[in-house]
């Protein structure tokens, strides 16, 4: 899967599932502080990523994920390994 497609799918589910303003969903946005993702949202994100990209997120692997770009890089590394 191309990186552009990953970025678009992530943006789409953040906007549609979490009702986040599209203008906020930019690569440099911090997931918690700027986008407002909390621990309950993260549980939903695990399910959505599994359904959309076909793998289960390992929470320990996300310790260094701060921005949306970091998150998309993580998904890209799993999908395109």
Protein backbone atom coordinates (compact mmCIF):
# COMPACT_ATOMS: atom_id res chain seq x y z
CA UNK A 1 0.00 0.00 0.00
CA UNK A 2 1.37 3.41 -0.95
CA UNK A 3 2.13 5.92 1.78
CA UNK A 4 -0.28 8.44 0.25
CA UNK A 5 -3.10 5.92 0.59
CA UNK A 6 -2.19 5.23 4.25
CA UNK A 7 -2.19 8.95 5.04
CA UNK A 8 -5.58 9.42 3.37
CA UNK A 9 -7.19 6.45 5.14
CA UNK A 10 -5.94 7.66 8.53
CA UNK A 11 -7.21 11.17 7.82
CA UNK A 12 -10.57 9.81 6.66
CA UNK A 13 -11.18 7.74 9.77
CA UNK A 14 -10.10 10.53 12.12
CA UNK A 15 -12.52 12.94 10.44
CA UNK A 16 -15.43 10.52 10.09
CA UNK A 17 -15.16 8.34 13.21
CA UNK A 18 -13.92 10.95 15.68
CA UNK A 19 -15.49 14.06 14.13
CA UNK A 20 -12.17 15.89 14.05
CA UNK A 21 -11.97 18.98 11.87
CA UNK A 22 -10.15 18.16 8.64
CA UNK A 23 -8.00 21.28 8.98
CA UNK A 24 -6.49 19.91 12.23
CA UNK A 25 -5.48 16.59 10.66
CA UNK A 26 -2.02 17.54 9.38
CA UNK A 27 1.25 15.56 9.61
CA UNK A 28 2.77 17.73 12.33
CA UNK A 29 -0.33 17.63 14.57
CA UNK A 30 0.28 16.00 17.94
CA UNK A 31 -2.19 13.20 18.52
CA UNK A 32 -3.07 14.09 22.11
CA UNK A 33 -2.56 17.83 22.33
CA UNK A 34 -3.64 19.02 18.87
CA UNK A 35 -6.04 16.34 17.66
CA UNK A 36 -7.43 15.42 21.09
CA UNK A 37 -7.00 11.64 20.95
CA UNK A 38 -7.40 10.19 24.46
CA UNK A 39 -7.01 6.67 25.83
CA UNK A 40 -10.63 5.72 25.06
CA UNK A 41 -10.24 6.93 21.47
CA UNK A 42 -7.09 4.87 21.20
CA UNK A 43 -9.06 1.68 21.92
CA UNK A 44 -11.30 2.51 18.95
CA UNK A 45 -8.26 3.33 16.81
CA UNK A 46 -6.81 -0.14 17.49
CA UNK A 47 -10.00 -1.71 16.12
CA UNK A 48 -10.16 0.64 13.12
CA UNK A 49 -6.50 0.05 12.19
CA UNK A 50 -7.01 -3.71 12.46
CA UNK A 51 -10.06 -3.52 10.19
CA UNK A 52 -8.56 -1.02 7.73
CA UNK A 53 -4.94 -2.12 7.50
CA UNK A 54 -5.09 -5.76 8.62
CA UNK A 55 -2.78 -5.73 11.64
CA UNK A 56 -3.12 -5.24 15.37
CA UNK A 57 -1.34 -2.30 16.97
CA UNK A 58 1.12 -3.24 19.71
CA UNK A 59 0.75 -0.38 22.25
CA UNK A 60 4.37 -0.71 23.42
CA UNK A 61 5.55 0.05 19.89
CA UNK A 62 3.84 3.44 19.99
CA UNK A 63 5.87 4.88 22.87
CA UNK A 64 7.69 7.26 20.52
CA UNK A 65 4.63 8.16 18.44
CA UNK A 66 3.71 11.78 19.10
CA UNK A 67 2.51 13.27 15.81
CA UNK A 68 0.15 12.12 13.10
CA UNK A 69 3.16 11.66 10.84
CA UNK A 70 4.77 9.36 13.45
CA UNK A 71 1.55 7.34 13.56
CA UNK A 72 1.38 7.04 9.76
CA UNK A 73 5.06 6.04 9.69
CA UNK A 74 4.25 3.28 12.19
CA UNK A 75 1.36 2.01 10.05
CA UNK A 76 3.53 2.19 6.92
CA UNK A 77 6.26 0.13 8.61
CA UNK A 78 3.74 -2.57 9.51
CA UNK A 79 1.82 -2.65 6.23
CA UNK A 80 4.87 -2.49 3.97
CA UNK A 81 7.37 -4.69 5.81
